[in-house]
Amino acid sequence: MPRIVTYNVRRCVGLDRGQSPERIARVLRACKADVIGLQEIDIMPGRAGDQVGAIARALGMTHHFFPALRFAGYH
């Protein structure tokens, strides 16, 4: 049976207020998930960069982004 994980990443900002997609990827790697759903992930160019892409690459996974809200500049 596949392992499915959902995680609110809070724009990849930790308790230290540092932004680190790599830290999120380490947490997710430890879960050994087959499918991952992320909330509050940022892809806004010029703001946070492509966080979902960075996490997917770090995990060796593909990704699909489906925004809950649409703003100017989002795909």
C-alpha atoms as a PDB file:
ATOM      1  CA  MET A   1       0.000   0.000   0.000  1.00  0.00           C
ATOM      2  CA  PRO A   2       1.413   3.443  -0.915  1.00  0.00           C
ATOM      3  CA  ARG A   3       2.404   5.818   1.855  1.00  0.00           C
ATOM      4  CA  ILE A   4       0.766   9.235   1.499  1.00  0.00           C
ATOM      5  CA  VAL A   5       1.958  12.257   3.504  1.00  0.00           C
ATOM      6  CA  THR A   6       0.473  15.732   3.746  1.00  0.00           C
ATOM      7  CA  TYR A   7       2.453  18.583   5.268  1.00  0.00           C
ATOM      8  CA  ASN A   8       1.879  22.307   5.813  1.00  0.00           C
ATOM      9  CA  VAL A   9       5.314  23.738   5.097  1.00  0.00           C
ATOM     10  CA  ARG A  10       4.481  27.368   6.022  1.00  0.00           C
ATOM     11  CA  ARG A  11       6.442  28.664   2.988  1.00  0.00           C
ATOM     12  CA  CYS A  12       9.419  26.590   4.233  1.00  0.00           C
ATOM     13  CA  VAL A  13       9.984  28.970   7.166  1.00  0.00           C
ATOM     14  CA  GLY A  14      11.130  27.222  10.346  1.00  0.00           C
ATOM     15  CA  LEU A  15      10.967  28.196  13.995  1.00  0.00           C
ATOM     16  CA  ASP A  16      14.292  29.980  13.497  1.00  0.00           C
ATOM     17  CA  ARG A  17      12.516  32.125  10.854  1.00  0.00           C
ATOM     18  CA  GLY A  18      14.934  30.836   8.247  1.00  0.00           C
ATOM     19  CA  GLN A  19      13.567  29.684   4.915  1.00  0.00           C
ATOM     20  CA  SER A  20      14.869  26.273   3.861  1.00  0.00           C
ATOM     21  CA  PRO A  21      13.264  23.952   1.300  1.00  0.00           C
ATOM     22  CA  GLU A  22      16.201  21.606   1.959  1.00  0.00           C
ATOM     23  CA  ARG A  23      15.150  21.255   5.614  1.00  0.00           C
ATOM     24  CA  ILE A  24      11.607  20.386   4.515  1.00  0.00           C
ATOM     25  CA  ALA A  25      13.025  17.797   2.098  1.00  0.00           C
ATOM     26  CA  ARG A  26      14.996  16.153   4.943  1.00  0.00           C
ATOM     27  CA  VAL A  27      11.834  15.846   7.042  1.00  0.00           C
ATOM     28  CA  LEU A  28       9.891  14.413   4.104  1.00  0.00           C
ATOM     29  CA  ARG A  29      12.686  12.000   3.170  1.00  0.00           C
ATOM     30  CA  ALA A  30      12.455  10.485   6.653  1.00  0.00           C
ATOM     31  CA  CYS A  31       8.727   9.806   6.054  1.00  0.00           C
ATOM     32  CA  LYS A  32       9.540   7.543   3.071  1.00  0.00           C
ATOM     33  CA  ALA A  33       6.365   8.655   1.305  1.00  0.00           C
ATOM     34  CA  ASP A  34       5.261   7.608  -2.159  1.00  0.00           C
ATOM     35  CA  VAL A  35       2.935  10.621  -2.566  1.00  0.00           C
ATOM     36  CA  ILE A  36       3.294  13.984  -0.796  1.00  0.00           C
ATOM     37  CA  GLY A  37       0.752  16.819  -0.601  1.00  0.00           C
ATOM     38  CA  LEU A  38       2.172  20.178   0.484  1.00  0.00           C
ATOM     39  CA  GLN A  39       0.203  23.176   1.712  1.00  0.00           C
ATOM     40  CA  GLU A  40       1.398  26.798   1.884  1.00  0.00           C
ATOM     41  CA  ILE A  41       4.160  26.131  -0.630  1.00  0.00           C
ATOM     42  CA  ASP A  42       5.458  29.111  -2.606  1.00  0.00           C
ATOM     43  CA  ILE A  43       6.405  29.240  -6.283  1.00  0.00           C
ATOM     44  CA  MET A  44       6.237  33.019  -6.716  1.00  0.00           C
ATOM     45  CA  PRO A  45       9.216  34.132  -8.808  1.00  0.00           C
ATOM     46  CA  GLY A  46      11.238  36.791  -7.029  1.00  0.00           C
ATOM     47  CA  ARG A  47       9.665  36.092  -3.648  1.00  0.00           C
ATOM     48  CA  ALA A  48      10.631  32.623  -2.480  1.00  0.00           C
ATOM     49  CA  GLY A  49      11.653  30.887  -5.669  1.00  0.00           C
ATOM     50  CA  ASP A  50      10.441  27.497  -6.768  1.00  0.00           C
ATOM     51  CA  GLN A  51      10.152  25.778  -3.382  1.00  0.00           C
ATOM     52  CA  VAL A  52       8.116  22.853  -4.694  1.00  0.00           C
ATOM     53  CA  GLY A  53      10.646  22.209  -7.458  1.00  0.00           C
ATOM     54  CA  ALA A  54      13.566  22.361  -5.028  1.00  0.00           C
ATOM     55  CA  ILE A  55      11.890  19.889  -2.668  1.00  0.00           C
ATOM     56  CA  ALA A  56      10.934  17.528  -5.491  1.00  0.00           C
ATOM     57  CA  ARG A  57      14.486  17.548  -6.895  1.00  0.00           C
ATOM     58  CA  ALA A  58      15.953  16.898  -3.443  1.00  0.00           C
ATOM     59  CA  LEU A  59      13.649  13.889  -3.058  1.00  0.00           C
ATOM     60  CA  GLY A  60      14.098  12.607  -6.615  1.00  0.00           C
ATOM     61  CA  MET A  61      10.367  13.024  -7.241  1.00  0.00           C
ATOM     62  CA  THR A  62       8.261  14.737  -9.881  1.00  0.00           C
ATOM     63  CA  HIS A  63       5.822  17.448  -8.897  1.00  0.00           C
ATOM     64  CA  HIS A  64       2.568  19.067  -9.972  1.00  0.00           C
ATOM     65  CA  PHE A  65       1.497  22.445  -8.623  1.00  0.00           C
ATOM     66  CA  PHE A  66      -2.183  23.254  -8.199  1.00  0.00           C
ATOM     67  CA  PRO A  67      -2.726  26.674  -6.567  1.00  0.00           C
ATOM     68  CA  ALA A  68      -5.660  27.123  -4.213  1.00  0.00           C
ATOM     69  CA  LEU A  69      -5.541  30.867  -4.975  1.00  0.00           C
ATOM     70  CA  ARG A  70      -4.549  32.580  -8.183  1.00  0.00           C
ATOM     71  CA  PHE A  71      -2.564  35.811  -8.156  1.00  0.00           C
ATOM     72  CA  ALA A  72      -0.874  37.752 -10.913  1.00  0.00           C
ATOM     73  CA  GLY A  73       2.450  36.054 -11.668  1.00  0.00           C
ATOM     74  CA  TYR A  74       1.332  32.548 -10.721  1.00  0.00           C
ATOM     75  CA  HIS A  75       1.044  29.942 -13.462  1.00  0.00           C
END
